[in-house]
Amino acid sequence: MGRLAVVPMVLEARGLDVTPGMIKIFQQAKDRQAIDALNVIYAEEVHHVSYGSKWFHFLCGRENLDPAPVFHALVRKYFHTTLKPPFNEEKRAEAGIPPDFYWPLAEQSSR
């Protein structure tokens, strides 16, 4: 469960946060190839995060555990730093990660 919490729900979810900004940079540079590649990556990242969230919630349900506090405990145990806003709340929600999962683990400077 620690791997599910950190890899798709923290690391890959970060891709949801930063990729739109990267796309804008390449749009300004008029690099169509990079833009196309990042758009594919961005769409796939939503699915990766979604699958991780789905299985994390499934395992919590199987053990009758509340997913949010389990997620918090696992991220604190295995990630060793705070999450960094800004967050792409729309895409995170689309992928099955509500704000009460990540904001309590975030740097407190940006909300």
PDB file of N, CA and C in Angstrom:
ATOM      1  N   MET A   1       0.819  -1.196   0.000  1.00  0.00           N
ATOM      2  CA  MET A   1       0.000   0.000   0.000  1.00  0.00           C
ATOM      3  C   MET A   1       0.861   1.257   0.000  1.00  0.00           C
ATOM      4  N   GLY A   2       2.037   1.172   0.591  1.00  0.00           N
ATOM      5  CA  GLY A   2       2.936   2.315   0.581  1.00  0.00           C
ATOM      6  C   GLY A   2       3.344   2.697  -0.830  1.00  0.00           C
ATOM      7  N   ARG A   3       3.599   1.714  -1.654  1.00  0.00           N
ATOM      8  CA  ARG A   3       3.967   1.985  -3.047  1.00  0.00           C
ATOM      9  C   ARG A   3       2.800   2.620  -3.797  1.00  0.00           C
ATOM     10  N   LEU A   4       1.583   2.154  -3.572  1.00  0.00           N
ATOM     11  CA  LEU A   4       0.404   2.755  -4.208  1.00  0.00           C
ATOM     12  C   LEU A   4       0.217   4.199  -3.749  1.00  0.00           C
ATOM     13  N   ALA A   5       0.462   4.451  -2.494  1.00  0.00           N
ATOM     14  CA  ALA A   5       0.299   5.811  -1.974  1.00  0.00           C
ATOM     15  C   ALA A   5       1.321   6.758  -2.590  1.00  0.00           C
ATOM     16  N   VAL A   6       2.566   6.326  -2.687  1.00  0.00           N
ATOM     17  CA  VAL A   6       3.627   7.238  -3.121  1.00  0.00           C
ATOM     18  C   VAL A   6       3.759   7.325  -4.642  1.00  0.00           C
ATOM     19  N   VAL A   7       3.795   6.205  -5.338  1.00  0.00           N
ATOM     20  CA  VAL A   7       4.114   6.273  -6.768  1.00  0.00           C
ATOM     21  C   VAL A   7       2.980   6.910  -7.574  1.00  0.00           C
ATOM     22  N   PRO A   8       1.802   6.310  -7.664  1.00  0.00           N
ATOM     23  CA  PRO A   8       0.784   6.974  -8.480  1.00  0.00           C
ATOM     24  C   PRO A   8       0.129   8.172  -7.812  1.00  0.00           C
ATOM     25  N   MET A   9      -0.066   8.110  -6.494  1.00  0.00           N
ATOM     26  CA  MET A   9      -0.888   9.126  -5.834  1.00  0.00           C
ATOM     27  C   MET A   9      -0.089  10.340  -5.356  1.00  0.00           C
ATOM     28  N   VAL A  10       1.235  10.267  -5.371  1.00  0.00           N
ATOM     29  CA  VAL A  10       2.071  11.424  -5.050  1.00  0.00           C
ATOM     30  C   VAL A  10       2.932  11.786  -6.262  1.00  0.00           C
ATOM     31  N   LEU A  11       3.777  10.859  -6.703  1.00  0.00           N
ATOM     32  CA  LEU A  11       4.721  11.184  -7.768  1.00  0.00           C
ATOM     33  C   LEU A  11       4.030  11.423  -9.106  1.00  0.00           C
ATOM     34  N   GLU A  12       3.184  10.494  -9.509  1.00  0.00           N
ATOM     35  CA  GLU A  12       2.498  10.686 -10.785  1.00  0.00           C
ATOM     36  C   GLU A  12       1.450  11.793 -10.690  1.00  0.00           C
ATOM     37  N   ALA A  13       0.846  11.977  -9.535  1.00  0.00           N
ATOM     38  CA  ALA A  13      -0.098  13.083  -9.361  1.00  0.00           C
ATOM     39  C   ALA A  13       0.622  14.418  -9.519  1.00  0.00           C
ATOM     40  N   ARG A  14       1.889  14.468  -9.158  1.00  0.00           N
ATOM     41  CA  ARG A  14       2.654  15.703  -9.355  1.00  0.00           C
ATOM     42  C   ARG A  14       2.746  16.045 -10.842  1.00  0.00           C
ATOM     43  N   GLY A  15       2.794  15.021 -11.678  1.00  0.00           N
ATOM     44  CA  GLY A  15       2.772  15.256 -13.120  1.00  0.00           C
ATOM     45  C   GLY A  15       1.510  15.976 -13.557  1.00  0.00           C
ATOM     46  N   LEU A  16       0.403  15.704 -12.884  1.00  0.00           N
ATOM     47  CA  LEU A  16      -0.839  16.419 -13.190  1.00  0.00           C
ATOM     48  C   LEU A  16      -0.711  17.898 -12.861  1.00  0.00           C
ATOM     49  N   ASP A  17       0.086  18.199 -11.853  1.00  0.00           N
ATOM     50  CA  ASP A  17       0.255  19.587 -11.410  1.00  0.00           C
ATOM     51  C   ASP A  17       1.180  20.383 -12.333  1.00  0.00           C
ATOM     52  N   VAL A  18       2.259  19.773 -12.780  1.00  0.00           N
ATOM     53  CA  VAL A  18       3.304  20.522 -13.480  1.00  0.00           C
ATOM     54  C   VAL A  18       3.211  20.468 -15.002  1.00  0.00           C
ATOM     55  N   THR A  19       2.578  19.463 -15.550  1.00  0.00           N
ATOM     56  CA  THR A  19       2.570  19.306 -17.003  1.00  0.00           C
ATOM     57  C   THR A  19       1.876  20.455 -17.734  1.00  0.00           C
ATOM     58  N   PRO A  20       0.742  20.990 -17.254  1.00  0.00           N
ATOM     59  CA  PRO A  20       0.148  22.125 -17.977  1.00  0.00           C
ATOM     60  C   PRO A  20       1.108  23.311 -18.124  1.00  0.00           C
ATOM     61  N   GLY A  21       1.881  23.598 -17.106  1.00  0.00           N
ATOM     62  CA  GLY A  21       2.857  24.684 -17.191  1.00  0.00           C
ATOM     63  C   GLY A  21       3.966  24.384 -18.184  1.00  0.00           C
ATOM     64  N   MET A  22       4.373  23.117 -18.226  1.00  0.00           N
ATOM     65  CA  MET A  22       5.399  22.722 -19.190  1.00  0.00           C
ATOM     66  C   MET A  22       4.863  22.866 -20.617  1.00  0.00           C
ATOM     67  N   ILE A  23       3.613  22.495 -20.819  1.00  0.00           N
ATOM     68  CA  ILE A  23       3.002  22.639 -22.144  1.00  0.00           C
ATOM     69  C   ILE A  23       3.001  24.107 -22.562  1.00  0.00           C
ATOM     70  N   LYS A  24       2.661  25.009 -21.637  1.00  0.00           N
ATOM     71  CA  LYS A  24       2.650  26.441 -21.957  1.00  0.00           C
ATOM     72  C   LYS A  24       4.036  26.936 -22.373  1.00  0.00           C
ATOM     73  N   ILE A  25       5.064  26.458 -21.695  1.00  0.00           N
ATOM     74  CA  ILE A  25       6.430  26.857 -22.040  1.00  0.00           C
ATOM     75  C   ILE A  25       6.763  26.441 -23.466  1.00  0.00           C
ATOM     76  N   PHE A  26       6.408  25.216 -23.820  1.00  0.00           N
ATOM     77  CA  PHE A  26       6.708  24.737 -25.170  1.00  0.00           C
ATOM     78  C   PHE A  26       5.807  25.379 -26.219  1.00  0.00           C
ATOM     79  N   GLN A  27       4.605  25.800 -25.820  1.00  0.00           N
ATOM     80  CA  GLN A  27       3.759  26.555 -26.745  1.00  0.00           C
ATOM     81  C   GLN A  27       4.409  27.890 -27.069  1.00  0.00           C
ATOM     82  N   GLN A  28       4.960  28.532 -26.064  1.00  0.00           N
ATOM     83  CA  GLN A  28       5.652  29.808 -26.295  1.00  0.00           C
ATOM     84  C   GLN A  28       6.864  29.626 -27.206  1.00  0.00           C
ATOM     85  N   ALA A  29       7.514  28.475 -27.081  1.00  0.00           N
ATOM     86  CA  ALA A  29       8.677  28.178 -27.916  1.00  0.00           C
ATOM     87  C   ALA A  29       8.271  27.603 -29.274  1.00  0.00           C
ATOM     88  N   LYS A  30       6.972  27.383 -29.457  1.00  0.00           N
ATOM     89  CA  LYS A  30       6.436  26.837 -30.711  1.00  0.00           C
ATOM     90  C   LYS A  30       7.052  25.475 -31.061  1.00  0.00           C
ATOM     91  N   ASP A  31       7.248  24.654 -30.024  1.00  0.00           N
ATOM     92  CA  ASP A  31       7.818  23.316 -30.218  1.00  0.00           C
ATOM     93  C   ASP A  31       6.660  22.308 -30.260  1.00  0.00           C
ATOM     94  N   ARG A  32       6.090  22.125 -31.436  1.00  0.00           N
ATOM     95  CA  ARG A  32       4.907  21.283 -31.617  1.00  0.00           C
ATOM     96  C   ARG A  32       5.161  19.838 -31.177  1.00  0.00           C
ATOM     97  N   GLN A  33       6.330  19.307 -31.455  1.00  0.00           N
ATOM     98  CA  GLN A  33       6.644  17.917 -31.105  1.00  0.00           C
ATOM     99  C   GLN A  33       6.623  17.721 -29.585  1.00  0.00           C
ATOM    100  N   ALA A  34       7.214  18.657 -28.852  1.00  0.00           N
ATOM    101  CA  ALA A  34       7.209  18.567 -27.392  1.00  0.00           C
ATOM    102  C   ALA A  34       5.793  18.722 -26.840  1.00  0.00           C
ATOM    103  N   ILE A  35       5.033  19.630 -27.420  1.00  0.00           N
ATOM    104  CA  ILE A  35       3.639  19.844 -26.976  1.00  0.00           C
ATOM    105  C   ILE A  35       2.826  18.566 -27.171  1.00  0.00           C
ATOM    106  N   ASP A  36       2.953  17.959 -28.345  1.00  0.00           N
ATOM    107  CA  ASP A  36       2.206  16.724 -28.628  1.00  0.00           C
ATOM    108  C   ASP A  36       2.593  15.612 -27.649  1.00  0.00           C
ATOM    109  N   ALA A  37       3.888  15.481 -27.386  1.00  0.00           N
ATOM    110  CA  ALA A  37       4.357  14.445 -26.459  1.00  0.00           C
ATOM    111  C   ALA A  37       3.826  14.696 -25.053  1.00  0.00           C
ATOM    112  N   LEU A  38       3.889  15.944 -24.601  1.00  0.00           N
ATOM    113  CA  LEU A  38       3.410  16.263 -23.254  1.00  0.00           C
ATOM    114  C   LEU A  38       1.901  16.079 -23.131  1.00  0.00           C
ATOM    115  N   ASN A  39       1.146  16.349 -24.181  1.00  0.00           N
ATOM    116  CA  ASN A  39      -0.296  16.115 -24.139  1.00  0.00           C
ATOM    117  C   ASN A  39      -0.614  14.634 -23.978  1.00  0.00           C
ATOM    118  N   VAL A  40       0.149  13.777 -24.636  1.00  0.00           N
ATOM    119  CA  VAL A  40      -0.036  12.326 -24.476  1.00  0.00           C
ATOM    120  C   VAL A  40       0.306  11.912 -23.048  1.00  0.00           C
ATOM    121  N   ILE A  41       1.443  12.394 -22.560  1.00  0.00           N
ATOM    122  CA  ILE A  41       1.876  12.067 -21.205  1.00  0.00           C
ATOM    123  C   ILE A  41       0.825  12.530 -20.186  1.00  0.00           C
ATOM    124  N   TYR A  42       0.316  13.725 -20.360  1.00  0.00           N
ATOM    125  CA  TYR A  42      -0.673  14.299 -19.443  1.00  0.00           C
ATOM    126  C   TYR A  42      -1.933  13.438 -19.387  1.00  0.00           C
ATOM    127  N   ALA A  43      -2.440  13.044 -20.552  1.00  0.00           N
ATOM    128  CA  ALA A  43      -3.637  12.195 -20.590  1.00  0.00           C
ATOM    129  C   ALA A  43      -3.372  10.844 -19.928  1.00  0.00           C
ATOM    130  N   GLU A  44      -2.214  10.273 -20.185  1.00  0.00           N
ATOM    131  CA  GLU A  44      -1.879   8.978 -19.585  1.00  0.00           C
ATOM    132  C   GLU A  44      -1.683   9.097 -18.078  1.00  0.00           C
ATOM    133  N   GLU A  45      -1.158  10.225 -17.631  1.00  0.00           N
ATOM    134  CA  GLU A  45      -0.920  10.416 -16.204  1.00  0.00           C
ATOM    135  C   GLU A  45      -2.226  10.373 -15.421  1.00  0.00           C
ATOM    136  N   VAL A  46      -3.283  10.946 -15.967  1.00  0.00           N
ATOM    137  CA  VAL A  46      -4.594  10.885 -15.300  1.00  0.00           C
ATOM    138  C   VAL A  46      -4.987   9.432 -15.079  1.00  0.00           C
ATOM    139  N   HIS A  47      -4.772   8.592 -16.081  1.00  0.00           N
ATOM    140  CA  HIS A  47      -5.120   7.172 -15.948  1.00  0.00           C
ATOM    141  C   HIS A  47      -4.228   6.469 -14.926  1.00  0.00           C
ATOM    142  N   HIS A  48      -2.943   6.773 -14.925  1.00  0.00           N
ATOM    143  CA  HIS A  48      -2.029   6.152 -13.950  1.00  0.00           C
ATOM    144  C   HIS A  48      -2.453   6.493 -12.520  1.00  0.00           C
ATOM    145  N   VAL A  49      -2.718   7.766 -12.280  1.00  0.00           N
ATOM    146  CA  VAL A  49      -3.137   8.197 -10.947  1.00  0.00           C
ATOM    147  C   VAL A  49      -4.470   7.553 -10.578  1.00  0.00           C
ATOM    148  N   SER A  50      -5.365   7.500 -11.530  1.00  0.00           N
ATOM    149  CA  SER A  50      -6.690   6.914 -11.307  1.00  0.00           C
ATOM    150  C   SER A  50      -6.593   5.442 -10.907  1.00  0.00           C
ATOM    151  N   TYR A  51      -5.768   4.686 -11.607  1.00  0.00           N
ATOM    152  CA  TYR A  51      -5.603   3.267 -11.261  1.00  0.00           C
ATOM    153  C   TYR A  51      -5.003   3.098  -9.874  1.00  0.00           C
ATOM    154  N   GLY A  52      -4.013   3.910  -9.555  1.00  0.00           N
ATOM    155  CA  GLY A  52      -3.424   3.836  -8.220  1.00  0.00           C
ATOM    156  C   GLY A  52      -4.437   4.145  -7.144  1.00  0.00           C
ATOM    157  N   SER A  53      -5.224   5.191  -7.365  1.00  0.00           N
ATOM    158  CA  SER A  53      -6.254   5.575  -6.398  1.00  0.00           C
ATOM    159  C   SER A  53      -7.306   4.475  -6.260  1.00  0.00           C
ATOM    160  N   LYS A  54      -7.708   3.925  -7.384  1.00  0.00           N
ATOM    161  CA  LYS A  54      -8.712   2.852  -7.375  1.00  0.00           C
ATOM    162  C   LYS A  54      -8.240   1.671  -6.525  1.00  0.00           C
ATOM    163  N   TRP A  55      -7.019   1.214  -6.738  1.00  0.00           N
ATOM    164  CA  TRP A  55      -6.514   0.061  -6.009  1.00  0.00           C
ATOM    165  C   TRP A  55      -6.212   0.390  -4.551  1.00  0.00           C
ATOM    166  N   PHE A  56      -5.761   1.593  -4.291  1.00  0.00           N
ATOM    167  CA  PHE A  56      -5.540   2.002  -2.913  1.00  0.00           C
ATOM    168  C   PHE A  56      -6.863   1.966  -2.141  1.00  0.00           C
ATOM    169  N   HIS A  57      -7.909   2.553  -2.732  1.00  0.00           N
ATOM    170  CA  HIS A  57      -9.221   2.545  -2.090  1.00  0.00           C
ATOM    171  C   HIS A  57      -9.769   1.122  -1.950  1.00  0.00           C
ATOM    172  N   PHE A  58      -9.538   0.285  -2.943  1.00  0.00           N
ATOM    173  CA  PHE A  58      -9.979  -1.110  -2.867  1.00  0.00           C
ATOM    174  C   PHE A  58      -9.325  -1.813  -1.677  1.00  0.00           C
ATOM    175  N   LEU A  59      -7.996  -1.659  -1.538  1.00  0.00           N
ATOM    176  CA  LEU A  59      -7.294  -2.330  -0.443  1.00  0.00           C
ATOM    177  C   LEU A  59      -7.736  -1.790   0.915  1.00  0.00           C
ATOM    178  N   CYS A  60      -7.951  -0.486   1.010  1.00  0.00           N
ATOM    179  CA  CYS A  60      -8.460   0.071   2.265  1.00  0.00           C
ATOM    180  C   CYS A  60      -9.843  -0.488   2.582  1.00  0.00           C
ATOM    181  N   GLY A  61     -10.700  -0.557   1.577  1.00  0.00           N
ATOM    182  CA  GLY A  61     -12.043  -1.107   1.780  1.00  0.00           C
ATOM    183  C   GLY A  61     -12.013  -2.560   2.200  1.00  0.00           C
ATOM    184  N   ARG A  62     -11.114  -3.314   1.608  1.00  0.00           N
ATOM    185  CA  ARG A  62     -10.994  -4.732   1.952  1.00  0.00           C
ATOM    186  C   ARG A  62     -10.610  -4.924   3.414  1.00  0.00           C
ATOM    187  N   GLU A  63      -9.825  -3.977   3.935  1.00  0.00           N
ATOM    188  CA  GLU A  63      -9.394  -4.046   5.338  1.00  0.00           C
ATOM    189  C   GLU A  63     -10.253  -3.173   6.251  1.00  0.00           C
ATOM    190  N   ASN A  64     -11.318  -2.592   5.688  1.00  0.00           N
ATOM    191  CA  ASN A  64     -12.228  -1.715   6.433  1.00  0.00           C
ATOM    192  C   ASN A  64     -11.482  -0.536   7.066  1.00  0.00           C
ATOM    193  N   LEU A  65     -10.606   0.084   6.274  1.00  0.00           N
ATOM    194  CA  LEU A  65      -9.801   1.208   6.736  1.00  0.00           C
ATOM    195  C   LEU A  65     -10.266   2.498   6.060  1.00  0.00           C
ATOM    196  N   ASP A  66     -10.214   3.601   6.777  1.00  0.00           N
ATOM    197  CA  ASP A  66     -10.510   4.913   6.215  1.00  0.00           C
ATOM    198  C   ASP A  66      -9.310   5.319   5.349  1.00  0.00           C
ATOM    199  N   PRO A  67      -9.497   5.506   4.035  1.00  0.00           N
ATOM    200  CA  PRO A  67      -8.350   5.726   3.146  1.00  0.00           C
ATOM    201  C   PRO A  67      -7.529   6.986   3.427  1.00  0.00           C
ATOM    202  N   ALA A  68      -8.141   8.091   3.778  1.00  0.00           N
ATOM    203  CA  ALA A  68      -7.381   9.341   3.939  1.00  0.00           C
ATOM    204  C   ALA A  68      -6.319   9.237   5.032  1.00  0.00           C
ATOM    205  N   PRO A  69      -6.649   8.827   6.252  1.00  0.00           N
ATOM    206  CA  PRO A  69      -5.589   8.741   7.265  1.00  0.00           C
ATOM    207  C   PRO A  69      -4.535   7.678   6.946  1.00  0.00           C
ATOM    208  N   VAL A  70      -4.938   6.601   6.283  1.00  0.00           N
ATOM    209  CA  VAL A  70      -3.959   5.587   5.884  1.00  0.00           C
ATOM    210  C   VAL A  70      -3.002   6.184   4.859  1.00  0.00           C
ATOM    211  N   PHE A  71      -3.542   6.915   3.893  1.00  0.00           N
ATOM    212  CA  PHE A  71      -2.716   7.592   2.897  1.00  0.00           C
ATOM    213  C   PHE A  71      -1.732   8.550   3.567  1.00  0.00           C
ATOM    214  N   HIS A  72      -2.238   9.366   4.485  1.00  0.00           N
ATOM    215  CA  HIS A  72      -1.379  10.331   5.182  1.00  0.00           C
ATOM    216  C   HIS A  72      -0.234   9.619   5.907  1.00  0.00           C
ATOM    217  N   ALA A  73      -0.562   8.565   6.613  1.00  0.00           N
ATOM    218  CA  ALA A  73       0.466   7.834   7.370  1.00  0.00           C
ATOM    219  C   ALA A  73       1.512   7.226   6.438  1.00  0.00           C
ATOM    220  N   LEU A  74       1.061   6.636   5.346  1.00  0.00           N
ATOM    221  CA  LEU A  74       2.001   6.000   4.418  1.00  0.00           C
ATOM    222  C   LEU A  74       2.885   7.023   3.713  1.00  0.00           C
ATOM    223  N   VAL A  75       2.309   8.147   3.312  1.00  0.00           N
ATOM    224  CA  VAL A  75       3.113   9.176   2.646  1.00  0.00           C
ATOM    225  C   VAL A  75       4.129   9.749   3.629  1.00  0.00           C
ATOM    226  N   ARG A  76       3.724   9.998   4.847  1.00  0.00           N
ATOM    227  CA  ARG A  76       4.675  10.510   5.852  1.00  0.00           C
ATOM    228  C   ARG A  76       5.793   9.508   6.126  1.00  0.00           C
ATOM    229  N   LYS A  77       5.449   8.227   6.098  1.00  0.00           N
ATOM    230  CA  LYS A  77       6.444   7.194   6.369  1.00  0.00           C
ATOM    231  C   LYS A  77       7.426   7.016   5.207  1.00  0.00           C
ATOM    232  N   TYR A  78       6.923   7.048   3.972  1.00  0.00           N
ATOM    233  CA  TYR A  78       7.760   6.679   2.834  1.00  0.00           C
ATOM    234  C   TYR A  78       8.194   7.833   1.932  1.00  0.00           C
ATOM    235  N   PHE A  79       7.560   8.998   2.018  1.00  0.00           N
ATOM    236  CA  PHE A  79       7.900  10.077   1.082  1.00  0.00           C
ATOM    237  C   PHE A  79       8.911  11.056   1.671  1.00  0.00           C
ATOM    238  N   HIS A  80       8.908  11.273   2.955  1.00  0.00           N
ATOM    239  CA  HIS A  80       9.932  12.045   3.670  1.00  0.00           C
ATOM    240  C   HIS A  80      10.008  13.537   3.330  1.00  0.00           C
ATOM    241  N   THR A  81       8.979  14.115   2.788  1.00  0.00           N
ATOM    242  CA  THR A  81       8.922  15.561   2.579  1.00  0.00           C
ATOM    243  C   THR A  81       7.462  15.955   2.397  1.00  0.00           C
ATOM    244  N   THR A  82       7.215  17.250   2.374  1.00  0.00           N
ATOM    245  CA  THR A  82       5.847  17.719   2.177  1.00  0.00           C
ATOM    246  C   THR A  82       5.515  17.752   0.693  1.00  0.00           C
ATOM    247  N   LEU A  83       4.233  17.774   0.391  1.00  0.00           N
ATOM    248  CA  LEU A  83       3.791  17.940  -0.987  1.00  0.00           C
ATOM    249  C   LEU A  83       3.811  19.430  -1.305  1.00  0.00           C
ATOM    250  N   LYS A  84       4.048  19.746  -2.553  1.00  0.00           N
ATOM    251  CA  LYS A  84       4.245  21.138  -2.935  1.00  0.00           C
ATOM    252  C   LYS A  84       3.120  21.642  -3.832  1.00  0.00           C
ATOM    253  N   PRO A  85       2.342  22.610  -3.316  1.00  0.00           N
ATOM    254  CA  PRO A  85       1.349  23.258  -4.176  1.00  0.00           C
ATOM    255  C   PRO A  85       2.059  24.113  -5.229  1.00  0.00           C
ATOM    256  N   PRO A  86       1.386  24.548  -6.242  1.00  0.00           N
ATOM    257  CA  PRO A  86      -0.054  24.419  -6.453  1.00  0.00           C
ATOM    258  C   PRO A  86      -0.418  23.038  -6.963  1.00  0.00           C
ATOM    259  N   PHE A  87      -1.652  22.657  -6.691  1.00  0.00           N
ATOM    260  CA  PHE A  87      -2.182  21.371  -7.114  1.00  0.00           C
ATOM    261  C   PHE A  87      -3.199  21.571  -8.230  1.00  0.00           C
ATOM    262  N   ASN A  88      -3.228  20.648  -9.146  1.00  0.00           N
ATOM    263  CA  ASN A  88      -4.229  20.647 -10.209  1.00  0.00           C
ATOM    264  C   ASN A  88      -5.447  19.906  -9.647  1.00  0.00           C
ATOM    265  N   GLU A  89      -6.248  20.628  -8.893  1.00  0.00           N
ATOM    266  CA  GLU A  89      -7.348  20.003  -8.159  1.00  0.00           C
ATOM    267  C   GLU A  89      -8.357  19.341  -9.083  1.00  0.00           C
ATOM    268  N   GLU A  90      -8.587  19.930 -10.245  1.00  0.00           N
ATOM    269  CA  GLU A  90      -9.548  19.358 -11.189  1.00  0.00           C
ATOM    270  C   GLU A  90      -9.100  17.980 -11.672  1.00  0.00           C
ATOM    271  N   LYS A  91      -7.855  17.878 -12.128  1.00  0.00           N
ATOM    272  CA  LYS A  91      -7.356  16.591 -12.644  1.00  0.00           C
ATOM    273  C   LYS A  91      -7.146  15.588 -11.521  1.00  0.00           C
ATOM    274  N   ARG A  92      -6.730  16.038 -10.347  1.00  0.00           N
ATOM    275  CA  ARG A  92      -6.594  15.125  -9.211  1.00  0.00           C
ATOM    276  C   ARG A  92      -7.958  14.538  -8.841  1.00  0.00           C
ATOM    277  N   ALA A  93      -8.993  15.376  -8.848  1.00  0.00           N
ATOM    278  CA  ALA A  93     -10.353  14.884  -8.552  1.00  0.00           C
ATOM    279  C   ALA A  93     -10.799  13.899  -9.625  1.00  0.00           C
ATOM    280  N   GLU A  94     -10.512  14.229 -10.874  1.00  0.00           N
ATOM    281  CA  GLU A  94     -10.863  13.330 -11.980  1.00  0.00           C
ATOM    282  C   GLU A  94     -10.188  11.966 -11.807  1.00  0.00           C
ATOM    283  N   ALA A  95      -9.002  11.972 -11.235  1.00  0.00           N
ATOM    284  CA  ALA A  95      -8.244  10.741 -11.017  1.00  0.00           C
ATOM    285  C   ALA A  95      -8.596  10.058  -9.691  1.00  0.00           C
ATOM    286  N   GLY A  96      -9.502  10.642  -8.919  1.00  0.00           N
ATOM    287  CA  GLY A  96      -9.951   9.986  -7.695  1.00  0.00           C
ATOM    288  C   GLY A  96      -9.213  10.379  -6.432  1.00  0.00           C
ATOM    289  N   ILE A  97      -8.534  11.518  -6.455  1.00  0.00           N
ATOM    290  CA  ILE A  97      -7.828  11.979  -5.258  1.00  0.00           C
ATOM    291  C   ILE A  97      -8.451  13.298  -4.800  1.00  0.00           C
ATOM    292  N   PRO A  98      -9.225  13.249  -3.723  1.00  0.00           N
ATOM    293  CA  PRO A  98      -9.851  14.477  -3.226  1.00  0.00           C
ATOM    294  C   PRO A  98      -8.858  15.345  -2.446  1.00  0.00           C
ATOM    295  N   PRO A  99      -9.170  16.637  -2.299  1.00  0.00           N
ATOM    296  CA  PRO A  99      -8.248  17.559  -1.616  1.00  0.00           C
ATOM    297  C   PRO A  99      -7.869  17.154  -0.197  1.00  0.00           C
ATOM    298  N   ASP A 100      -8.758  16.469   0.517  1.00  0.00           N
ATOM    299  CA  ASP A 100      -8.418  16.094   1.895  1.00  0.00           C
ATOM    300  C   ASP A 100      -7.329  15.023   1.963  1.00  0.00           C
ATOM    301  N   PHE A 101      -6.930  14.487   0.810  1.00  0.00           N
ATOM    302  CA  PHE A 101      -5.798  13.564   0.776  1.00  0.00           C
ATOM    303  C   PHE A 101      -4.483  14.332   0.750  1.00  0.00           C
ATOM    304  N   TYR A 102      -4.379  15.356  -0.098  1.00  0.00           N
ATOM    305  CA  TYR A 102      -3.073  15.980  -0.308  1.00  0.00           C
ATOM    306  C   TYR A 102      -2.851  17.278   0.453  1.00  0.00           C
ATOM    307  N   TRP A 103      -3.883  18.099   0.683  1.00  0.00           N
ATOM    308  CA  TRP A 103      -3.641  19.365   1.378  1.00  0.00           C
ATOM    309  C   TRP A 103      -3.061  19.190   2.785  1.00  0.00           C
ATOM    310  N   PRO A 104      -3.495  18.200   3.565  1.00  0.00           N
ATOM    311  CA  PRO A 104      -2.887  18.047   4.906  1.00  0.00           C
ATOM    312  C   PRO A 104      -1.394  17.695   4.868  1.00  0.00           C
ATOM    313  N   LEU A 105      -0.914  17.249   3.711  1.00  0.00           N
ATOM    314  CA  LEU A 105       0.500  16.880   3.578  1.00  0.00           C
ATOM    315  C   LEU A 105       1.311  17.969   2.877  1.00  0.00           C
ATOM    316  N   ALA A 106       0.672  19.090   2.587  1.00  0.00           N
ATOM    317  CA  ALA A 106       1.300  20.127   1.781  1.00  0.00           C
ATOM    318  C   ALA A 106       2.082  21.122   2.603  1.00  0.00           C
ATOM    319  N   GLU A 107       3.010  21.799   1.924  1.00  0.00           N
ATOM    320  CA  GLU A 107       3.663  22.958   2.525  1.00  0.00           C
ATOM    321  C   GLU A 107       2.564  23.937   2.869  1.00  0.00           C
ATOM    322  N   GLN A 108       2.657  24.580   3.968  1.00  0.00           N
ATOM    323  CA  GLN A 108       1.590  25.453   4.434  1.00  0.00           C
ATOM    324  C   GLN A 108       1.645  26.855   3.830  1.00  0.00           C
ATOM    325  N   SER A 109       2.590  27.126   2.941  1.00  0.00           N
ATOM    326  CA  SER A 109       2.774  28.488   2.453  1.00  0.00           C
ATOM    327  C   SER A 109       1.802  28.897   1.351  1.00  0.00           C
ATOM    328  N   SER A 110       1.093  27.963   0.712  1.00  0.00           N
ATOM    329  CA  SER A 110       0.384  28.317  -0.514  1.00  0.00           C
ATOM    330  C   SER A 110      -1.106  27.997  -0.546  1.00  0.00           C
ATOM    331  N   ARG A 111      -1.797  27.961   0.524  1.00  0.00           N
ATOM    332  CA  ARG A 111      -3.230  27.692   0.382  1.00  0.00           C
ATOM    333  C   ARG A 111      -4.043  28.796   0.847  1.00  0.00           C
TER     334      ARG A 111
END
